Amino acid sequence: MVIDVKGNVPGMETTLRASVLAAALKDFVAKHHTGEKINEVAEIIDAKVMKIYEAEVDEKDLVAGATDLSIQ
């Protein structure tokens, strides 16, 4: 569960197995992070019920939404 500083719950985060990670994010990791391991995978559903996938690779968070991929 994600809780902001005011105590609101703007979204839910669920840890997943790497095998269920979106194909686009797996492909991005394989191409741009050759030899690096996906350490953690999560599905995040925000307050607007948008589903986002996050993969932690080499201490970077790679986030894939329905239409984009970003590094945080």
PDB file of N, CA and C in Angstrom:
ATOM      1  N   MET A   1       0.844  -1.163   0.000  1.00  0.00           N
ATOM      2  CA  MET A   1       0.000   0.000   0.000  1.00  0.00           C
ATOM      3  C   MET A   1       0.898   1.238   0.000  1.00  0.00           C
ATOM      4  N   VAL A   2       0.514   2.238  -0.780  1.00  0.00           N
ATOM      5  CA  VAL A   2       1.226   3.504  -0.831  1.00  0.00           C
ATOM      6  C   VAL A   2       0.421   4.509  -0.037  1.00  0.00           C
ATOM      7  N   ILE A   3       1.072   5.194   0.905  1.00  0.00           N
ATOM      8  CA  ILE A   3       0.396   6.198   1.732  1.00  0.00           C
ATOM      9  C   ILE A   3       1.176   7.500   1.617  1.00  0.00           C
ATOM     10  N   ASP A   4       0.472   8.617   1.306  1.00  0.00           N
ATOM     11  CA  ASP A   4       1.168   9.896   1.205  1.00  0.00           C
ATOM     12  C   ASP A   4       1.336  10.535   2.576  1.00  0.00           C
ATOM     13  N   VAL A   5       1.956  11.699   2.632  1.00  0.00           N
ATOM     14  CA  VAL A   5       2.262  12.348   3.919  1.00  0.00           C
ATOM     15  C   VAL A   5       1.014  12.763   4.675  1.00  0.00           C
ATOM     16  N   LYS A   6      -0.118  12.891   4.005  1.00  0.00           N
ATOM     17  CA  LYS A   6      -1.374  13.264   4.666  1.00  0.00           C
ATOM     18  C   LYS A   6      -2.176  12.047   5.116  1.00  0.00           C
ATOM     19  N   GLY A   7      -1.647  10.841   4.874  1.00  0.00           N
ATOM     20  CA  GLY A   7      -2.333   9.624   5.278  1.00  0.00           C
ATOM     21  C   GLY A   7      -3.310   9.094   4.237  1.00  0.00           C
ATOM     22  N   ASN A   8      -3.361   9.720   3.064  1.00  0.00           N
ATOM     23  CA  ASN A   8      -4.230   9.238   1.992  1.00  0.00           C
ATOM     24  C   ASN A   8      -3.591   8.029   1.308  1.00  0.00           C
ATOM     25  N   VAL A   9      -4.419   7.212   0.707  1.00  0.00           N
ATOM     26  CA  VAL A   9      -3.931   6.045  -0.024  1.00  0.00           C
ATOM     27  C   VAL A   9      -4.105   6.329  -1.521  1.00  0.00           C
ATOM     28  N   PRO A  10      -3.073   6.910  -2.161  1.00  0.00           N
ATOM     29  CA  PRO A  10      -3.192   7.252  -3.570  1.00  0.00           C
ATOM     30  C   PRO A  10      -3.017   6.061  -4.515  1.00  0.00           C
ATOM     31  N   GLY A  11      -2.636   4.912  -3.985  1.00  0.00           N
ATOM     32  CA  GLY A  11      -2.467   3.745  -4.841  1.00  0.00           C
ATOM     33  C   GLY A  11      -2.097   2.514  -4.055  1.00  0.00           C
ATOM     34  N   MET A  12      -2.120   1.386  -4.733  1.00  0.00           N
ATOM     35  CA  MET A  12      -1.752   0.108  -4.125  1.00  0.00           C
ATOM     36  C   MET A  12      -0.595  -0.475  -4.921  1.00  0.00           C
ATOM     37  N   GLU A  13       0.379  -1.044  -4.233  1.00  0.00           N
ATOM     38  CA  GLU A  13       1.527  -1.678  -4.877  1.00  0.00           C
ATOM     39  C   GLU A  13       1.582  -3.134  -4.456  1.00  0.00           C
ATOM     40  N   THR A  14       1.700  -4.020  -5.435  1.00  0.00           N
ATOM     41  CA  THR A  14       1.756  -5.449  -5.188  1.00  0.00           C
ATOM     42  C   THR A  14       3.038  -6.010  -5.795  1.00  0.00           C
ATOM     43  N   THR A  15       3.813  -6.738  -5.020  1.00  0.00           N
ATOM     44  CA  THR A  15       5.025  -7.373  -5.523  1.00  0.00           C
ATOM     45  C   THR A  15       4.644  -8.558  -6.400  1.00  0.00           C
ATOM     46  N   LEU A  16       5.327  -8.681  -7.538  1.00  0.00           N
ATOM     47  CA  LEU A  16       5.045  -9.745  -8.500  1.00  0.00           C
ATOM     48  C   LEU A  16       6.298 -10.557  -8.802  1.00  0.00           C
ATOM     49  N   ARG A  17       6.107 -11.721  -9.398  1.00  0.00           N
ATOM     50  CA  ARG A  17       7.226 -12.487  -9.937  1.00  0.00           C
ATOM     51  C   ARG A  17       7.653 -11.835 -11.246  1.00  0.00           C
ATOM     52  N   ALA A  18       8.921 -11.873 -11.556  1.00  0.00           N
ATOM     53  CA  ALA A  18       9.431 -11.268 -12.791  1.00  0.00           C
ATOM     54  C   ALA A  18       8.793 -11.890 -14.032  1.00  0.00           C
ATOM     55  N   SER A  19       8.340 -13.122 -13.934  1.00  0.00           N
ATOM     56  CA  SER A  19       7.753 -13.803 -15.096  1.00  0.00           C
ATOM     57  C   SER A  19       6.463 -13.152 -15.582  1.00  0.00           C
ATOM     58  N   VAL A  20       5.794 -12.368 -14.751  1.00  0.00           N
ATOM     59  CA  VAL A  20       4.550 -11.720 -15.171  1.00  0.00           C
ATOM     60  C   VAL A  20       4.766 -10.270 -15.599  1.00  0.00           C
ATOM     61  N   LEU A  21       6.012  -9.842 -15.651  1.00  0.00           N
ATOM     62  CA  LEU A  21       6.340  -8.479 -16.058  1.00  0.00           C
ATOM     63  C   LEU A  21       5.956  -8.255 -17.518  1.00  0.00           C
ATOM     64  N   ALA A  22       5.480  -7.062 -17.822  1.00  0.00           N
ATOM     65  CA  ALA A  22       5.074  -6.721 -19.190  1.00  0.00           C
ATOM     66  C   ALA A  22       6.213  -6.993 -20.167  1.00  0.00           C
ATOM     67  N   ALA A  23       5.881  -7.557 -21.308  1.00  0.00           N
ATOM     68  CA  ALA A  23       6.889  -7.921 -22.307  1.00  0.00           C
ATOM     69  C   ALA A  23       7.730  -6.723 -22.742  1.00  0.00           C
ATOM     70  N   ALA A  24       7.115  -5.558 -22.886  1.00  0.00           N
ATOM     71  CA  ALA A  24       7.857  -4.367 -23.314  1.00  0.00           C
ATOM     72  C   ALA A  24       8.945  -4.005 -22.316  1.00  0.00           C
ATOM     73  N   LEU A  25       8.673  -4.161 -21.035  1.00  0.00           N
ATOM     74  CA  LEU A  25       9.663  -3.838 -20.018  1.00  0.00           C
ATOM     75  C   LEU A  25      10.759  -4.896 -19.973  1.00  0.00           C
ATOM     76  N   LYS A  26      10.402  -6.181 -20.127  1.00  0.00           N
ATOM     77  CA  LYS A  26      11.415  -7.239 -20.195  1.00  0.00           C
ATOM     78  C   LYS A  26      12.351  -7.010 -21.378  1.00  0.00           C
ATOM     79  N   ASP A  27      11.769  -6.663 -22.529  1.00  0.00           N
ATOM     80  CA  ASP A  27      12.573  -6.411 -23.730  1.00  0.00           C
ATOM     81  C   ASP A  27      13.503  -5.214 -23.531  1.00  0.00           C
ATOM     82  N   PHE A  28      13.007  -4.158 -22.899  1.00  0.00           N
ATOM     83  CA  PHE A  28      13.815  -2.967 -22.639  1.00  0.00           C
ATOM     84  C   PHE A  28      15.006  -3.317 -21.744  1.00  0.00           C
ATOM     85  N   VAL A  29      14.759  -4.078 -20.690  1.00  0.00           N
ATOM     86  CA  VAL A  29      15.831  -4.475 -19.771  1.00  0.00           C
ATOM     87  C   VAL A  29      16.861  -5.327 -20.511  1.00  0.00           C
ATOM     88  N   ALA A  30      16.404  -6.280 -21.295  1.00  0.00           N
ATOM     89  CA  ALA A  30      17.326  -7.152 -22.027  1.00  0.00           C
ATOM     90  C   ALA A  30      18.199  -6.359 -23.001  1.00  0.00           C
ATOM     91  N   LYS A  31      17.622  -5.354 -23.641  1.00  0.00           N
ATOM     92  CA  LYS A  31      18.348  -4.574 -24.642  1.00  0.00           C
ATOM     93  C   LYS A  31      19.271  -3.523 -24.016  1.00  0.00           C
ATOM     94  N   HIS A  32      18.788  -2.821 -22.988  1.00  0.00           N
ATOM     95  CA  HIS A  32      19.516  -1.672 -22.439  1.00  0.00           C
ATOM     96  C   HIS A  32      20.265  -1.951 -21.133  1.00  0.00           C
ATOM     97  N   HIS A  33      20.040  -3.101 -20.541  1.00  0.00           N
ATOM     98  CA  HIS A  33      20.690  -3.460 -19.276  1.00  0.00           C
ATOM     99  C   HIS A  33      21.227  -4.886 -19.378  1.00  0.00           C
ATOM    100  N   THR A  34      21.955  -5.156 -20.450  1.00  0.00           N
ATOM    101  CA  THR A  34      22.474  -6.488 -20.729  1.00  0.00           C
ATOM    102  C   THR A  34      23.253  -7.044 -19.542  1.00  0.00           C
ATOM    103  N   GLY A  35      22.877  -8.231 -19.124  1.00  0.00           N
ATOM    104  CA  GLY A  35      23.570  -8.899 -18.035  1.00  0.00           C
ATOM    105  C   GLY A  35      23.127  -8.483 -16.645  1.00  0.00           C
ATOM    106  N   GLU A  36      22.270  -7.468 -16.545  1.00  0.00           N
ATOM    107  CA  GLU A  36      21.802  -7.033 -15.231  1.00  0.00           C
ATOM    108  C   GLU A  36      20.539  -7.798 -14.858  1.00  0.00           C
ATOM    109  N   LYS A  37      20.333  -7.954 -13.572  1.00  0.00           N
ATOM    110  CA  LYS A  37      19.225  -8.735 -13.049  1.00  0.00           C
ATOM    111  C   LYS A  37      18.082  -7.816 -12.617  1.00  0.00           C
ATOM    112  N   ILE A  38      16.858  -8.262 -12.882  1.00  0.00           N
ATOM    113  CA  ILE A  38      15.693  -7.569 -12.353  1.00  0.00           C
ATOM    114  C   ILE A  38      15.566  -7.995 -10.898  1.00  0.00           C
ATOM    115  N   ASN A  39      15.750  -7.047  -9.984  1.00  0.00           N
ATOM    116  CA  ASN A  39      15.764  -7.359  -8.554  1.00  0.00           C
ATOM    117  C   ASN A  39      14.375  -7.428  -7.933  1.00  0.00           C
ATOM    118  N   GLU A  40      13.468  -6.610  -8.429  1.00  0.00           N
ATOM    119  CA  GLU A  40      12.137  -6.540  -7.833  1.00  0.00           C
ATOM    120  C   GLU A  40      11.150  -6.106  -8.906  1.00  0.00           C
ATOM    121  N   VAL A  41       9.944  -6.647  -8.862  1.00  0.00           N
ATOM    122  CA  VAL A  41       8.889  -6.273  -9.800  1.00  0.00           C
ATOM    123  C   VAL A  41       7.636  -5.966  -8.995  1.00  0.00           C
ATOM    124  N   ALA A  42       6.937  -4.900  -9.392  1.00  0.00           N
ATOM    125  CA  ALA A  42       5.703  -4.542  -8.699  1.00  0.00           C
ATOM    126  C   ALA A  42       4.670  -4.063  -9.701  1.00  0.00           C
ATOM    127  N   GLU A  43       3.417  -4.292  -9.352  1.00  0.00           N
ATOM    128  CA  GLU A  43       2.293  -3.730 -10.096  1.00  0.00           C
ATOM    129  C   GLU A  43       1.720  -2.640  -9.204  1.00  0.00           C
ATOM    130  N   ILE A  44       1.564  -1.448  -9.763  1.00  0.00           N
ATOM    131  CA  ILE A  44       1.040  -0.320  -9.004  1.00  0.00           C
ATOM    132  C   ILE A  44      -0.263   0.107  -9.655  1.00  0.00           C
ATOM    133  N   ILE A  45      -1.312   0.217  -8.860  1.00  0.00           N
ATOM    134  CA  ILE A  45      -2.589   0.733  -9.347  1.00  0.00           C
ATOM    135  C   ILE A  45      -2.822   2.032  -8.595  1.00  0.00           C
ATOM    136  N   ASP A  46      -2.850   3.156  -9.341  1.00  0.00           N
ATOM    137  CA  ASP A  46      -2.966   4.455  -8.695  1.00  0.00           C
ATOM    138  C   ASP A  46      -4.426   4.803  -8.410  1.00  0.00           C
ATOM    139  N   ALA A  47      -4.651   5.978  -7.832  1.00  0.00           N
ATOM    140  CA  ALA A  47      -5.989   6.399  -7.428  1.00  0.00           C
ATOM    141  C   ALA A  47      -6.947   6.516  -8.615  1.00  0.00           C
ATOM    142  N   LYS A  48      -6.415   6.691  -9.809  1.00  0.00           N
ATOM    143  CA  LYS A  48      -7.249   6.790 -11.011  1.00  0.00           C
ATOM    144  C   LYS A  48      -7.426   5.419 -11.665  1.00  0.00           C
ATOM    145  N   VAL A  49      -7.017   4.364 -10.974  1.00  0.00           N
ATOM    146  CA  VAL A  49      -7.104   2.975 -11.403  1.00  0.00           C
ATOM    147  C   VAL A  49      -6.307   2.735 -12.687  1.00  0.00           C
ATOM    148  N   MET A  50      -5.172   3.398 -12.798  1.00  0.00           N
ATOM    149  CA  MET A  50      -4.254   3.151 -13.900  1.00  0.00           C
ATOM    150  C   MET A  50      -3.230   2.137 -13.427  1.00  0.00           C
ATOM    151  N   LYS A  51      -2.983   1.122 -14.227  1.00  0.00           N
ATOM    152  CA  LYS A  51      -2.037   0.064 -13.866  1.00  0.00           C
ATOM    153  C   LYS A  51      -0.656   0.400 -14.417  1.00  0.00           C
ATOM    154  N   ILE A  52       0.352   0.306 -13.565  1.00  0.00           N
ATOM    155  CA  ILE A  52       1.732   0.592 -13.922  1.00  0.00           C
ATOM    156  C   ILE A  52       2.582  -0.576 -13.437  1.00  0.00           C
ATOM    157  N   TYR A  53       3.578  -0.967 -14.229  1.00  0.00           N
ATOM    158  CA  TYR A  53       4.518  -1.990 -13.797  1.00  0.00           C
ATOM    159  C   TYR A  53       5.864  -1.337 -13.520  1.00  0.00           C
ATOM    160  N   GLU A  54       6.512  -1.772 -12.455  1.00  0.00           N
ATOM    161  CA  GLU A  54       7.810  -1.228 -12.071  1.00  0.00           C
ATOM    162  C   GLU A  54       8.788  -2.381 -11.902  1.00  0.00           C
ATOM    163  N   ALA A  55       9.979  -2.210 -12.459  1.00  0.00           N
ATOM    164  CA  ALA A  55      11.038  -3.203 -12.286  1.00  0.00           C
ATOM    165  C   ALA A  55      12.267  -2.494 -11.748  1.00  0.00           C
ATOM    166  N   GLU A  56      12.831  -2.995 -10.678  1.00  0.00           N
ATOM    167  CA  GLU A  56      14.065  -2.433 -10.135  1.00  0.00           C
ATOM    168  C   GLU A  56      15.231  -3.181 -10.759  1.00  0.00           C
ATOM    169  N   VAL A  57      16.096  -2.425 -11.458  1.00  0.00           N
ATOM    170  CA  VAL A  57      17.265  -2.994 -12.133  1.00  0.00           C
ATOM    171  C   VAL A  57      18.459  -2.124 -11.775  1.00  0.00           C
ATOM    172  N   ASP A  58      19.465  -2.721 -11.158  1.00  0.00           N
ATOM    173  CA  ASP A  58      20.683  -1.991 -10.815  1.00  0.00           C
ATOM    174  C   ASP A  58      20.376  -0.687 -10.084  1.00  0.00           C
ATOM    175  N   GLU A  59      19.495  -0.761  -9.095  1.00  0.00           N
ATOM    176  CA  GLU A  59      19.102   0.363  -8.241  1.00  0.00           C
ATOM    177  C   GLU A  59      18.371   1.476  -8.981  1.00  0.00           C
ATOM    178  N   LYS A  60      17.867   1.214 -10.182  1.00  0.00           N
ATOM    179  CA  LYS A  60      17.036   2.159 -10.925  1.00  0.00           C
ATOM    180  C   LYS A  60      15.641   1.551 -11.022  1.00  0.00           C
ATOM    181  N   ASP A  61      14.616   2.396 -10.960  1.00  0.00           N
ATOM    182  CA  ASP A  61      13.254   1.924 -11.148  1.00  0.00           C
ATOM    183  C   ASP A  61      12.843   2.185 -12.589  1.00  0.00           C
ATOM    184  N   LEU A  62      12.525   1.133 -13.317  1.00  0.00           N
ATOM    185  CA  LEU A  62      12.000   1.237 -14.670  1.00  0.00           C
ATOM    186  C   LEU A  62      10.493   1.082 -14.562  1.00  0.00           C
ATOM    187  N   VAL A  63       9.762   2.053 -15.075  1.00  0.00           N
ATOM    188  CA  VAL A  63       8.318   2.072 -14.921  1.00  0.00           C
ATOM    189  C   VAL A  63       7.660   2.030 -16.293  1.00  0.00           C
ATOM    190  N   ALA A  64       6.744   1.097 -16.480  1.00  0.00           N
ATOM    191  CA  ALA A  64       6.015   0.979 -17.744  1.00  0.00           C
ATOM    192  C   ALA A  64       4.532   1.161 -17.488  1.00  0.00           C
ATOM    193  N   GLY A  65       3.959   2.130 -18.183  1.00  0.00           N
ATOM    194  CA  GLY A  65       2.513   2.334 -18.144  1.00  0.00           C
ATOM    195  C   GLY A  65       1.906   1.737 -19.397  1.00  0.00           C
ATOM    196  N   ALA A  66       0.697   2.127 -19.693  1.00  0.00           N
ATOM    197  CA  ALA A  66       0.023   1.603 -20.870  1.00  0.00           C
ATOM    198  C   ALA A  66       0.675   2.082 -22.159  1.00  0.00           C
ATOM    199  N   THR A  67       1.273   3.285 -22.143  1.00  0.00           N
ATOM    200  CA  THR A  67       1.784   3.850 -23.391  1.00  0.00           C
ATOM    201  C   THR A  67       3.229   4.327 -23.334  1.00  0.00           C
ATOM    202  N   ASP A  68       3.895   4.191 -22.193  1.00  0.00           N
ATOM    203  CA  ASP A  68       5.243   4.729 -22.125  1.00  0.00           C
ATOM    204  C   ASP A  68       6.131   3.922 -21.191  1.00  0.00           C
ATOM    205  N   LEU A  69       7.412   4.252 -21.212  1.00  0.00           N
ATOM    206  CA  LEU A  69       8.406   3.632 -20.357  1.00  0.00           C
ATOM    207  C   LEU A  69       9.283   4.747 -19.835  1.00  0.00           C
ATOM    208  N   SER A  70       9.514   4.799 -18.545  1.00  0.00           N
ATOM    209  CA  SER A  70      10.369   5.833 -17.992  1.00  0.00           C
ATOM    210  C   SER A  70      11.327   5.224 -16.972  1.00  0.00           C
ATOM    211  N   ILE A  71      12.399   5.944 -16.693  1.00  0.00           N
ATOM    212  CA  ILE A  71      13.365   5.533 -15.692  1.00  0.00           C
ATOM    213  C   ILE A  71      13.319   6.545 -14.575  1.00  0.00           C
ATOM    214  N   GLN A  72      13.160   6.069 -13.348  1.00  0.00           N
ATOM    215  CA  GLN A  72      13.074   6.982 -12.210  1.00  0.00           C
ATOM    216  C   GLN A  72      14.190   6.715 -11.244  1.00  0.00           C
TER     217      GLN A  72
END
